[in-house]
Amino acid sequence: MKIPKKIKVVDCNYTVEEHKLLYETNGMSIADMCKILIKESLSEDKKKQTFIHELIHAIENTNNAIDDLSEIQVELIATGLMSFIRDNKNTVLWLLEK
């Protein structure tokens, strides 16, 4: 399965793109363009981890956070969420029920 091209974050429609030209970083969330960039050369697992990381930044930006989370805080949350999602598929399905 490929990275989704479009996602909704709170009330903003984001586009998600894989990109070759990200040098110093694995990903980027660009709030004013509603865009998430993921480094194309990453492994699938690292792309997923990076996507969650950038999604947290997008959520933060969409909610006009006054005190931004640090990169360490975002990475800890992203790692925890990714682990939770992988280890608790039934709970994730339960959360998605209407």
PDB file of N, CA and C in Angstrom:
ATOM      1  N   MET A   1       0.845  -1.182   0.000  1.00  0.00           N
ATOM      2  CA  MET A   1       0.000   0.000   0.000  1.00  0.00           C
ATOM      3  C   MET A   1       0.893   1.248   0.000  1.00  0.00           C
ATOM      4  N   LYS A   2       0.492   2.254  -0.752  1.00  0.00           N
ATOM      5  CA  LYS A   2       1.277   3.477  -0.876  1.00  0.00           C
ATOM      6  C   LYS A   2       0.814   4.543   0.107  1.00  0.00           C
ATOM      7  N   ILE A   3       1.680   5.509   0.311  1.00  0.00           N
ATOM      8  CA  ILE A   3       1.332   6.653   1.150  1.00  0.00           C
ATOM      9  C   ILE A   3       0.104   7.343   0.546  1.00  0.00           C
ATOM     10  N   PRO A   4      -0.897   7.672   1.370  1.00  0.00           N
ATOM     11  CA  PRO A   4      -2.066   8.368   0.826  1.00  0.00           C
ATOM     12  C   PRO A   4      -1.670   9.740   0.278  1.00  0.00           C
ATOM     13  N   LYS A   5      -2.288  10.134  -0.816  1.00  0.00           N
ATOM     14  CA  LYS A   5      -1.978  11.421  -1.459  1.00  0.00           C
ATOM     15  C   LYS A   5      -2.688  12.586  -0.792  1.00  0.00           C
ATOM     16  N   LYS A   6      -3.820  12.297  -0.147  1.00  0.00           N
ATOM     17  CA  LYS A   6      -4.600  13.345   0.514  1.00  0.00           C
ATOM     18  C   LYS A   6      -5.068  12.836   1.867  1.00  0.00           C
ATOM     19  N   ILE A   7      -4.995  13.725   2.860  1.00  0.00           N
ATOM     20  CA  ILE A   7      -5.503  13.414   4.196  1.00  0.00           C
ATOM     21  C   ILE A   7      -6.217  14.649   4.727  1.00  0.00           C
ATOM     22  N   LYS A   8      -7.089  14.431   5.687  1.00  0.00           N
ATOM     23  CA  LYS A   8      -7.757  15.549   6.348  1.00  0.00           C
ATOM     24  C   LYS A   8      -7.216  15.636   7.761  1.00  0.00           C
ATOM     25  N   VAL A   9      -6.738  16.817   8.124  1.00  0.00           N
ATOM     26  CA  VAL A   9      -6.191  17.060   9.458  1.00  0.00           C
ATOM     27  C   VAL A   9      -7.039  18.164  10.081  1.00  0.00           C
ATOM     28  N   VAL A  10      -7.809  17.785  11.099  1.00  0.00           N
ATOM     29  CA  VAL A  10      -8.803  18.657  11.712  1.00  0.00           C
ATOM     30  C   VAL A  10      -9.707  19.159  10.580  1.00  0.00           C
ATOM     31  N   ASP A  11      -9.636  20.418  10.179  1.00  0.00           N
ATOM     32  CA  ASP A  11     -10.492  20.910   9.095  1.00  0.00           C
ATOM     33  C   ASP A  11      -9.704  21.304   7.859  1.00  0.00           C
ATOM     34  N   CYS A  12      -8.474  20.849   7.751  1.00  0.00           N
ATOM     35  CA  CYS A  12      -7.625  21.227   6.622  1.00  0.00           C
ATOM     36  C   CYS A  12      -7.321  19.992   5.763  1.00  0.00           C
ATOM     37  N   ASN A  13      -7.465  20.128   4.466  1.00  0.00           N
ATOM     38  CA  ASN A  13      -7.135  19.051   3.543  1.00  0.00           C
ATOM     39  C   ASN A  13      -5.668  19.158   3.132  1.00  0.00           C
ATOM     40  N   TYR A  14      -4.887  18.200   3.562  1.00  0.00           N
ATOM     41  CA  TYR A  14      -3.446  18.167   3.281  1.00  0.00           C
ATOM     42  C   TYR A  14      -3.172  17.277   2.078  1.00  0.00           C
ATOM     43  N   THR A  15      -2.170  17.647   1.298  1.00  0.00           N
ATOM     44  CA  THR A  15      -1.629  16.748   0.291  1.00  0.00           C
ATOM     45  C   THR A  15      -0.353  16.148   0.867  1.00  0.00           C
ATOM     46  N   VAL A  16      -0.087  14.914   0.487  1.00  0.00           N
ATOM     47  CA  VAL A  16       1.103  14.198   0.961  1.00  0.00           C
ATOM     48  C   VAL A  16       1.905  13.811  -0.268  1.00  0.00           C
ATOM     49  N   GLU A  17       3.186  14.166  -0.266  1.00  0.00           N
ATOM     50  CA  GLU A  17       4.043  13.885  -1.420  1.00  0.00           C
ATOM     51  C   GLU A  17       5.354  13.265  -0.971  1.00  0.00           C
ATOM     52  N   GLU A  18       5.818  12.313  -1.766  1.00  0.00           N
ATOM     53  CA  GLU A  18       7.180  11.817  -1.579  1.00  0.00           C
ATOM     54  C   GLU A  18       8.085  12.743  -2.369  1.00  0.00           C
ATOM     55  N   HIS A  19       9.245  13.051  -1.790  1.00  0.00           N
ATOM     56  CA  HIS A  19      10.101  14.071  -2.390  1.00  0.00           C
ATOM     57  C   HIS A  19      11.564  13.625  -2.345  1.00  0.00           C
ATOM     58  N   LYS A  20      12.288  13.879  -3.422  1.00  0.00           N
ATOM     59  CA  LYS A  20      13.713  13.522  -3.500  1.00  0.00           C
ATOM     60  C   LYS A  20      14.614  14.519  -2.783  1.00  0.00           C
ATOM     61  N   LEU A  21      14.232  15.759  -2.761  1.00  0.00           N
ATOM     62  CA  LEU A  21      15.149  16.835  -2.398  1.00  0.00           C
ATOM     63  C   LEU A  21      15.190  17.207  -0.926  1.00  0.00           C
ATOM     64  N   LEU A  22      14.764  16.338  -0.044  1.00  0.00           N
ATOM     65  CA  LEU A  22      14.864  16.607   1.384  1.00  0.00           C
ATOM     66  C   LEU A  22      16.227  16.102   1.863  1.00  0.00           C
ATOM     67  N   TYR A  23      17.133  17.010   2.146  1.00  0.00           N
ATOM     68  CA  TYR A  23      18.510  16.616   2.486  1.00  0.00           C
ATOM     69  C   TYR A  23      18.692  16.322   3.964  1.00  0.00           C
ATOM     70  N   GLU A  24      18.512  17.308   4.790  1.00  0.00           N
ATOM     71  CA  GLU A  24      18.821  17.195   6.215  1.00  0.00           C
ATOM     72  C   GLU A  24      17.685  16.577   7.037  1.00  0.00           C
ATOM     73  N   THR A  25      16.563  16.326   6.404  1.00  0.00           N
ATOM     74  CA  THR A  25      15.395  15.867   7.144  1.00  0.00           C
ATOM     75  C   THR A  25      14.692  14.730   6.404  1.00  0.00           C
ATOM     76  N   ASN A  26      13.942  13.939   7.151  1.00  0.00           N
ATOM     77  CA  ASN A  26      13.185  12.848   6.538  1.00  0.00           C
ATOM     78  C   ASN A  26      11.802  13.279   6.078  1.00  0.00           C
ATOM     79  N   GLY A  27      11.332  14.412   6.607  1.00  0.00           N
ATOM     80  CA  GLY A  27      10.005  14.882   6.243  1.00  0.00           C
ATOM     81  C   GLY A  27       9.804  16.319   6.642  1.00  0.00           C
ATOM     82  N   MET A  28       8.670  16.860   6.203  1.00  0.00           N
ATOM     83  CA  MET A  28       8.381  18.253   6.467  1.00  0.00           C
ATOM     84  C   MET A  28       6.870  18.465   6.404  1.00  0.00           C
ATOM     85  N   SER A  29       6.347  19.221   7.354  1.00  0.00           N
ATOM     86  CA  SER A  29       4.952  19.625   7.335  1.00  0.00           C
ATOM     87  C   SER A  29       4.928  21.122   7.050  1.00  0.00           C
ATOM     88  N   ILE A  30       4.246  21.511   5.978  1.00  0.00           N
ATOM     89  CA  ILE A  30       4.197  22.917   5.571  1.00  0.00           C
ATOM     90  C   ILE A  30       2.772  23.404   5.787  1.00  0.00           C
ATOM     91  N   ALA A  31       2.542  24.072   6.913  1.00  0.00           N
ATOM     92  CA  ALA A  31       1.192  24.443   7.342  1.00  0.00           C
ATOM     93  C   ALA A  31       0.501  25.374   6.363  1.00  0.00           C
ATOM     94  N   ASP A  32       1.188  26.410   5.901  1.00  0.00           N
ATOM     95  CA  ASP A  32       0.526  27.398   5.050  1.00  0.00           C
ATOM     96  C   ASP A  32       0.171  26.853   3.670  1.00  0.00           C
ATOM     97  N   MET A  33       0.751  25.724   3.292  1.00  0.00           N
ATOM     98  CA  MET A  33       0.421  25.080   2.012  1.00  0.00           C
ATOM     99  C   MET A  33      -0.400  23.803   2.222  1.00  0.00           C
ATOM    100  N   CYS A  34      -0.665  23.459   3.487  1.00  0.00           N
ATOM    101  CA  CYS A  34      -1.372  22.207   3.824  1.00  0.00           C
ATOM    102  C   CYS A  34      -0.738  21.031   3.084  1.00  0.00           C
ATOM    103  N   LYS A  35       0.558  20.861   3.326  1.00  0.00           N
ATOM    104  CA  LYS A  35       1.310  19.832   2.611  1.00  0.00           C
ATOM    105  C   LYS A  35       2.260  19.112   3.563  1.00  0.00           C
ATOM    106  N   ILE A  36       2.396  17.801   3.362  1.00  0.00           N
ATOM    107  CA  ILE A  36       3.382  16.994   4.075  1.00  0.00           C
ATOM    108  C   ILE A  36       4.293  16.374   3.026  1.00  0.00           C
ATOM    109  N   LEU A  37       5.598  16.514   3.230  1.00  0.00           N
ATOM    110  CA  LEU A  37       6.597  15.923   2.342  1.00  0.00           C
ATOM    111  C   LEU A  37       7.311  14.804   3.086  1.00  0.00           C
ATOM    112  N   ILE A  38       7.523  13.691   2.406  1.00  0.00           N
ATOM    113  CA  ILE A  38       8.232  12.538   2.965  1.00  0.00           C
ATOM    114  C   ILE A  38       9.384  12.206   2.020  1.00  0.00           C
ATOM    115  N   LYS A  39      10.580  11.987   2.590  1.00  0.00           N
ATOM    116  CA  LYS A  39      11.742  11.652   1.771  1.00  0.00           C
ATOM    117  C   LYS A  39      11.513  10.341   1.033  1.00  0.00           C
ATOM    118  N   GLU A  40      11.663  10.395  -0.273  1.00  0.00           N
ATOM    119  CA  GLU A  40      11.390   9.270  -1.163  1.00  0.00           C
ATOM    120  C   GLU A  40      12.284   8.053  -0.910  1.00  0.00           C
ATOM    121  N   SER A  41      13.519   8.272  -0.508  1.00  0.00           N
ATOM    122  CA  SER A  41      14.489   7.184  -0.389  1.00  0.00           C
ATOM    123  C   SER A  41      14.392   6.389   0.921  1.00  0.00           C
ATOM    124  N   LEU A  42      13.474   6.728   1.799  1.00  0.00           N
ATOM    125  CA  LEU A  42      13.343   6.026   3.075  1.00  0.00           C
ATOM    126  C   LEU A  42      12.726   4.641   2.886  1.00  0.00           C
ATOM    127  N   SER A  43      13.015   3.744   3.826  1.00  0.00           N
ATOM    128  CA  SER A  43      12.343   2.437   3.844  1.00  0.00           C
ATOM    129  C   SER A  43      10.868   2.667   4.159  1.00  0.00           C
ATOM    130  N   GLU A  44      10.030   1.683   3.869  1.00  0.00           N
ATOM    131  CA  GLU A  44       8.588   1.816   4.136  1.00  0.00           C
ATOM    132  C   GLU A  44       8.324   2.074   5.619  1.00  0.00           C
ATOM    133  N   ASP A  45       9.019   1.348   6.500  1.00  0.00           N
ATOM    134  CA  ASP A  45       8.822   1.565   7.934  1.00  0.00           C
ATOM    135  C   ASP A  45       9.191   2.989   8.344  1.00  0.00           C
ATOM    136  N   LYS A  46      10.299   3.480   7.827  1.00  0.00           N
ATOM    137  CA  LYS A  46      10.734   4.836   8.168  1.00  0.00           C
ATOM    138  C   LYS A  46       9.792   5.876   7.570  1.00  0.00           C
ATOM    139  N   LYS A  47       9.236   5.613   6.390  1.00  0.00           N
ATOM    140  CA  LYS A  47       8.237   6.530   5.807  1.00  0.00           C
ATOM    141  C   LYS A  47       7.012   6.621   6.710  1.00  0.00           C
ATOM    142  N   LYS A  48       6.563   5.488   7.236  1.00  0.00           N
ATOM    143  CA  LYS A  48       5.402   5.476   8.121  1.00  0.00           C
ATOM    144  C   LYS A  48       5.680   6.252   9.403  1.00  0.00           C
ATOM    145  N   GLN A  49       6.841   6.010   9.981  1.00  0.00           N
ATOM    146  CA  GLN A  49       7.238   6.727  11.200  1.00  0.00           C
ATOM    147  C   GLN A  49       7.316   8.228  10.923  1.00  0.00           C
ATOM    148  N   THR A  50       7.904   8.591   9.793  1.00  0.00           N
ATOM    149  CA  THR A  50       8.043   9.998   9.419  1.00  0.00           C
ATOM    150  C   THR A  50       6.678  10.620   9.151  1.00  0.00           C
ATOM    151  N   PHE A  51       5.787   9.868   8.504  1.00  0.00           N
ATOM    152  CA  PHE A  51       4.438  10.356   8.254  1.00  0.00           C
ATOM    153  C   PHE A  51       3.734  10.701   9.564  1.00  0.00           C
ATOM    154  N   ILE A  52       3.795   9.802  10.543  1.00  0.00           N
ATOM    155  CA  ILE A  52       3.170  10.052  11.849  1.00  0.00           C
ATOM    156  C   ILE A  52       3.793  11.291  12.493  1.00  0.00           C
ATOM    157  N   HIS A  53       5.112  11.409  12.419  1.00  0.00           N
ATOM    158  CA  HIS A  53       5.829  12.568  12.964  1.00  0.00           C
ATOM    159  C   HIS A  53       5.301  13.865  12.337  1.00  0.00           C
ATOM    160  N   GLU A  54       5.230  13.894  11.015  1.00  0.00           N
ATOM    161  CA  GLU A  54       4.775  15.107  10.319  1.00  0.00           C
ATOM    162  C   GLU A  54       3.282  15.346  10.538  1.00  0.00           C
ATOM    163  N   LEU A  55       2.506  14.283  10.694  1.00  0.00           N
ATOM    164  CA  LEU A  55       1.095  14.419  11.011  1.00  0.00           C
ATOM    165  C   LEU A  55       0.908  15.134  12.348  1.00  0.00           C
ATOM    166  N   ILE A  56       1.730  14.800  13.322  1.00  0.00           N
ATOM    167  CA  ILE A  56       1.659  15.470  14.631  1.00  0.00           C
ATOM    168  C   ILE A  56       1.945  16.956  14.465  1.00  0.00           C
ATOM    169  N   HIS A  57       2.945  17.301  13.655  1.00  0.00           N
ATOM    170  CA  HIS A  57       3.208  18.726  13.378  1.00  0.00           C
ATOM    171  C   HIS A  57       2.000  19.371  12.698  1.00  0.00           C
ATOM    172  N   ALA A  58       1.372  18.670  11.760  1.00  0.00           N
ATOM    173  CA  ALA A  58       0.204  19.214  11.062  1.00  0.00           C
ATOM    174  C   ALA A  58      -0.945  19.454  12.039  1.00  0.00           C
ATOM    175  N   ILE A  59      -1.185  18.521  12.944  1.00  0.00           N
ATOM    176  CA  ILE A  59      -2.227  18.683  13.960  1.00  0.00           C
ATOM    177  C   ILE A  59      -1.916  19.898  14.825  1.00  0.00           C
ATOM    178  N   GLU A  60      -0.667  19.991  15.232  1.00  0.00           N
ATOM    179  CA  GLU A  60      -0.214  21.119  16.051  1.00  0.00           C
ATOM    180  C   GLU A  60      -0.454  22.440  15.310  1.00  0.00           C
ATOM    181  N   ASN A  61      -0.073  22.503  14.039  1.00  0.00           N
ATOM    182  CA  ASN A  61      -0.225  23.732  13.252  1.00  0.00           C
ATOM    183  C   ASN A  61      -1.684  24.068  12.990  1.00  0.00           C
ATOM    184  N   THR A  62      -2.503  23.070  12.730  1.00  0.00           N
ATOM    185  CA  THR A  62      -3.918  23.287  12.439  1.00  0.00           C
ATOM    186  C   THR A  62      -4.649  23.827  13.655  1.00  0.00           C
ATOM    187  N   ASN A  63      -4.157  23.488  14.821  1.00  0.00           N
ATOM    188  CA  ASN A  63      -4.784  23.952  16.059  1.00  0.00           C
ATOM    189  C   ASN A  63      -4.155  25.242  16.594  1.00  0.00           C
ATOM    190  N   ASN A  64      -3.308  25.867  15.770  1.00  0.00           N
ATOM    191  CA  ASN A  64      -2.679  27.142  16.157  1.00  0.00           C
ATOM    192  C   ASN A  64      -2.037  27.081  17.542  1.00  0.00           C
ATOM    193  N   ALA A  65      -1.231  26.062  17.752  1.00  0.00           N
ATOM    194  CA  ALA A  65      -0.572  25.886  19.044  1.00  0.00           C
ATOM    195  C   ALA A  65       0.302  27.092  19.366  1.00  0.00           C
ATOM    196  N   ILE A  66       0.210  27.558  20.592  1.00  0.00           N
ATOM    197  CA  ILE A  66       1.002  28.715  21.014  1.00  0.00           C
ATOM    198  C   ILE A  66       2.424  28.268  21.336  1.00  0.00           C
ATOM    199  N   ASP A  67       2.547  27.237  22.142  1.00  0.00           N
ATOM    200  CA  ASP A  67       3.862  26.696  22.490  1.00  0.00           C
ATOM    201  C   ASP A  67       4.077  25.433  21.681  1.00  0.00           C
ATOM    202  N   ASP A  68       4.901  25.530  20.646  1.00  0.00           N
ATOM    203  CA  ASP A  68       5.158  24.380  19.792  1.00  0.00           C
ATOM    204  C   ASP A  68       5.802  23.253  20.579  1.00  0.00           C
ATOM    205  N   LEU A  69       5.467  22.035  20.168  1.00  0.00           N
ATOM    206  CA  LEU A  69       6.147  20.873  20.722  1.00  0.00           C
ATOM    207  C   LEU A  69       7.575  20.849  20.204  1.00  0.00           C
ATOM    208  N   SER A  70       8.492  20.370  21.008  1.00  0.00           N
ATOM    209  CA  SER A  70       9.877  20.234  20.547  1.00  0.00           C
ATOM    210  C   SER A  70       9.969  19.036  19.619  1.00  0.00           C
ATOM    211  N   GLU A  71      11.026  18.961  18.838  1.00  0.00           N
ATOM    212  CA  GLU A  71      11.230  17.808  17.945  1.00  0.00           C
ATOM    213  C   GLU A  71      11.327  16.522  18.755  1.00  0.00           C
ATOM    214  N   ILE A  72      11.928  16.573  19.923  1.00  0.00           N
ATOM    215  CA  ILE A  72      12.036  15.375  20.769  1.00  0.00           C
ATOM    216  C   ILE A  72      10.648  14.930  21.217  1.00  0.00           C
ATOM    217  N   GLN A  73       9.797  15.876  21.620  1.00  0.00           N
ATOM    218  CA  GLN A  73       8.443  15.531  22.032  1.00  0.00           C
ATOM    219  C   GLN A  73       7.659  14.920  20.876  1.00  0.00           C
ATOM    220  N   VAL A  74       7.759  15.524  19.702  1.00  0.00           N
ATOM    221  CA  VAL A  74       7.045  15.000  18.533  1.00  0.00           C
ATOM    222  C   VAL A  74       7.538  13.599  18.202  1.00  0.00           C
ATOM    223  N   GLU A  75       8.844  13.376  18.240  1.00  0.00           N
ATOM    224  CA  GLU A  75       9.398  12.059  17.920  1.00  0.00           C
ATOM    225  C   GLU A  75       8.959  11.013  18.937  1.00  0.00           C
ATOM    226  N   LEU A  76       8.917  11.365  20.219  1.00  0.00           N
ATOM    227  CA  LEU A  76       8.448  10.427  21.244  1.00  0.00           C
ATOM    228  C   LEU A  76       6.981  10.061  21.031  1.00  0.00           C
ATOM    229  N   ILE A  77       6.152  11.051  20.732  1.00  0.00           N
ATOM    230  CA  ILE A  77       4.736  10.796  20.477  1.00  0.00           C
ATOM    231  C   ILE A  77       4.575   9.944  19.214  1.00  0.00           C
ATOM    232  N   ALA A  78       5.301  10.275  18.156  1.00  0.00           N
ATOM    233  CA  ALA A  78       5.214   9.528  16.896  1.00  0.00           C
ATOM    234  C   ALA A  78       5.626   8.067  17.097  1.00  0.00           C
ATOM    235  N   THR A  79       6.713   7.849  17.817  1.00  0.00           N
ATOM    236  CA  THR A  79       7.184   6.488  18.080  1.00  0.00           C
ATOM    237  C   THR A  79       6.148   5.712  18.888  1.00  0.00           C
ATOM    238  N   GLY A  80       5.594   6.349  19.905  1.00  0.00           N
ATOM    239  CA  GLY A  80       4.577   5.704  20.732  1.00  0.00           C
ATOM    240  C   GLY A  80       3.313   5.384  19.952  1.00  0.00           C
ATOM    241  N   LEU A  81       2.846   6.323  19.117  1.00  0.00           N
ATOM    242  CA  LEU A  81       1.652   6.090  18.313  1.00  0.00           C
ATOM    243  C   LEU A  81       1.863   4.971  17.298  1.00  0.00           C
ATOM    244  N   MET A  82       3.005   4.985  16.638  1.00  0.00           N
ATOM    245  CA  MET A  82       3.295   3.949  15.641  1.00  0.00           C
ATOM    246  C   MET A  82       3.322   2.577  16.297  1.00  0.00           C
ATOM    247  N   SER A  83       3.948   2.491  17.450  1.00  0.00           N
ATOM    248  CA  SER A  83       4.005   1.232  18.193  1.00  0.00           C
ATOM    249  C   SER A  83       2.604   0.800  18.623  1.00  0.00           C
ATOM    250  N   PHE A  84       1.810   1.743  19.117  1.00  0.00           N
ATOM    251  CA  PHE A  84       0.444   1.438  19.536  1.00  0.00           C
ATOM    252  C   PHE A  84      -0.393   0.913  18.376  1.00  0.00           C
ATOM    253  N   ILE A  85      -0.325   1.591  17.235  1.00  0.00           N
ATOM    254  CA  ILE A  85      -1.103   1.197  16.061  1.00  0.00           C
ATOM    255  C   ILE A  85      -0.726  -0.209  15.614  1.00  0.00           C
ATOM    256  N   ARG A  86       0.567  -0.493  15.567  1.00  0.00           N
ATOM    257  CA  ARG A  86       1.029  -1.821  15.124  1.00  0.00           C
ATOM    258  C   ARG A  86       0.641  -2.923  16.098  1.00  0.00           C
ATOM    259  N   ASP A  87       0.713  -2.624  17.396  1.00  0.00           N
ATOM    260  CA  ASP A  87       0.503  -3.646  18.419  1.00  0.00           C
ATOM    261  C   ASP A  87      -0.956  -3.817  18.835  1.00  0.00           C
ATOM    262  N   ASN A  88      -1.828  -2.924  18.377  1.00  0.00           N
ATOM    263  CA  ASN A  88      -3.218  -2.930  18.845  1.00  0.00           C
ATOM    264  C   ASN A  88      -4.203  -2.734  17.698  1.00  0.00           C
ATOM    265  N   LYS A  89      -4.094  -3.557  16.687  1.00  0.00           N
ATOM    266  CA  LYS A  89      -4.944  -3.405  15.497  1.00  0.00           C
ATOM    267  C   LYS A  89      -6.430  -3.445  15.833  1.00  0.00           C
ATOM    268  N   ASN A  90      -6.838  -4.330  16.761  1.00  0.00           N
ATOM    269  CA  ASN A  90      -8.252  -4.415  17.124  1.00  0.00           C
ATOM    270  C   ASN A  90      -8.732  -3.134  17.798  1.00  0.00           C
ATOM    271  N   THR A  91      -7.897  -2.527  18.586  1.00  0.00           N
ATOM    272  CA  THR A  91      -8.263  -1.270  19.235  1.00  0.00           C
ATOM    273  C   THR A  91      -8.392  -0.157  18.199  1.00  0.00           C
ATOM    274  N   VAL A  92      -7.488  -0.128  17.218  1.00  0.00           N
ATOM    275  CA  VAL A  92      -7.555   0.865  16.150  1.00  0.00           C
ATOM    276  C   VAL A  92      -8.853   0.684  15.366  1.00  0.00           C
ATOM    277  N   LEU A  93      -9.216  -0.560  15.056  1.00  0.00           N
ATOM    278  CA  LEU A  93     -10.485  -0.825  14.360  1.00  0.00           C
ATOM    279  C   LEU A  93     -11.666  -0.367  15.202  1.00  0.00           C
ATOM    280  N   TRP A  94     -11.612  -0.601  16.499  1.00  0.00           N
ATOM    281  CA  TRP A  94     -12.663  -0.162  17.408  1.00  0.00           C
ATOM    282  C   TRP A  94     -12.782   1.359  17.391  1.00  0.00           C
ATOM    283  N   LEU A  95     -11.663   2.050  17.406  1.00  0.00           N
ATOM    284  CA  LEU A  95     -11.672   3.513  17.370  1.00  0.00           C
ATOM    285  C   LEU A  95     -12.291   4.052  16.071  1.00  0.00           C
ATOM    286  N   LEU A  96     -12.178   3.287  14.999  1.00  0.00           N
ATOM    287  CA  LEU A  96     -12.692   3.723  13.698  1.00  0.00           C
ATOM    288  C   LEU A  96     -14.186   3.461  13.517  1.00  0.00           C
ATOM    289  N   GLU A  97     -14.771   2.636  14.408  1.00  0.00           N
ATOM    290  CA  GLU A  97     -16.200   2.342  14.302  1.00  0.00           C
ATOM    291  C   GLU A  97     -17.013   3.594  14.547  1.00  0.00           C
ATOM    292  N   LYS A  98     -18.157   3.672  13.847  1.00  0.00           N
ATOM    293  CA  LYS A  98     -19.066   4.815  14.070  1.00  0.00           C
ATOM    294  C   LYS A  98     -20.199   4.400  14.955  1.00  0.00           C
TER     295      LYS A  98
END
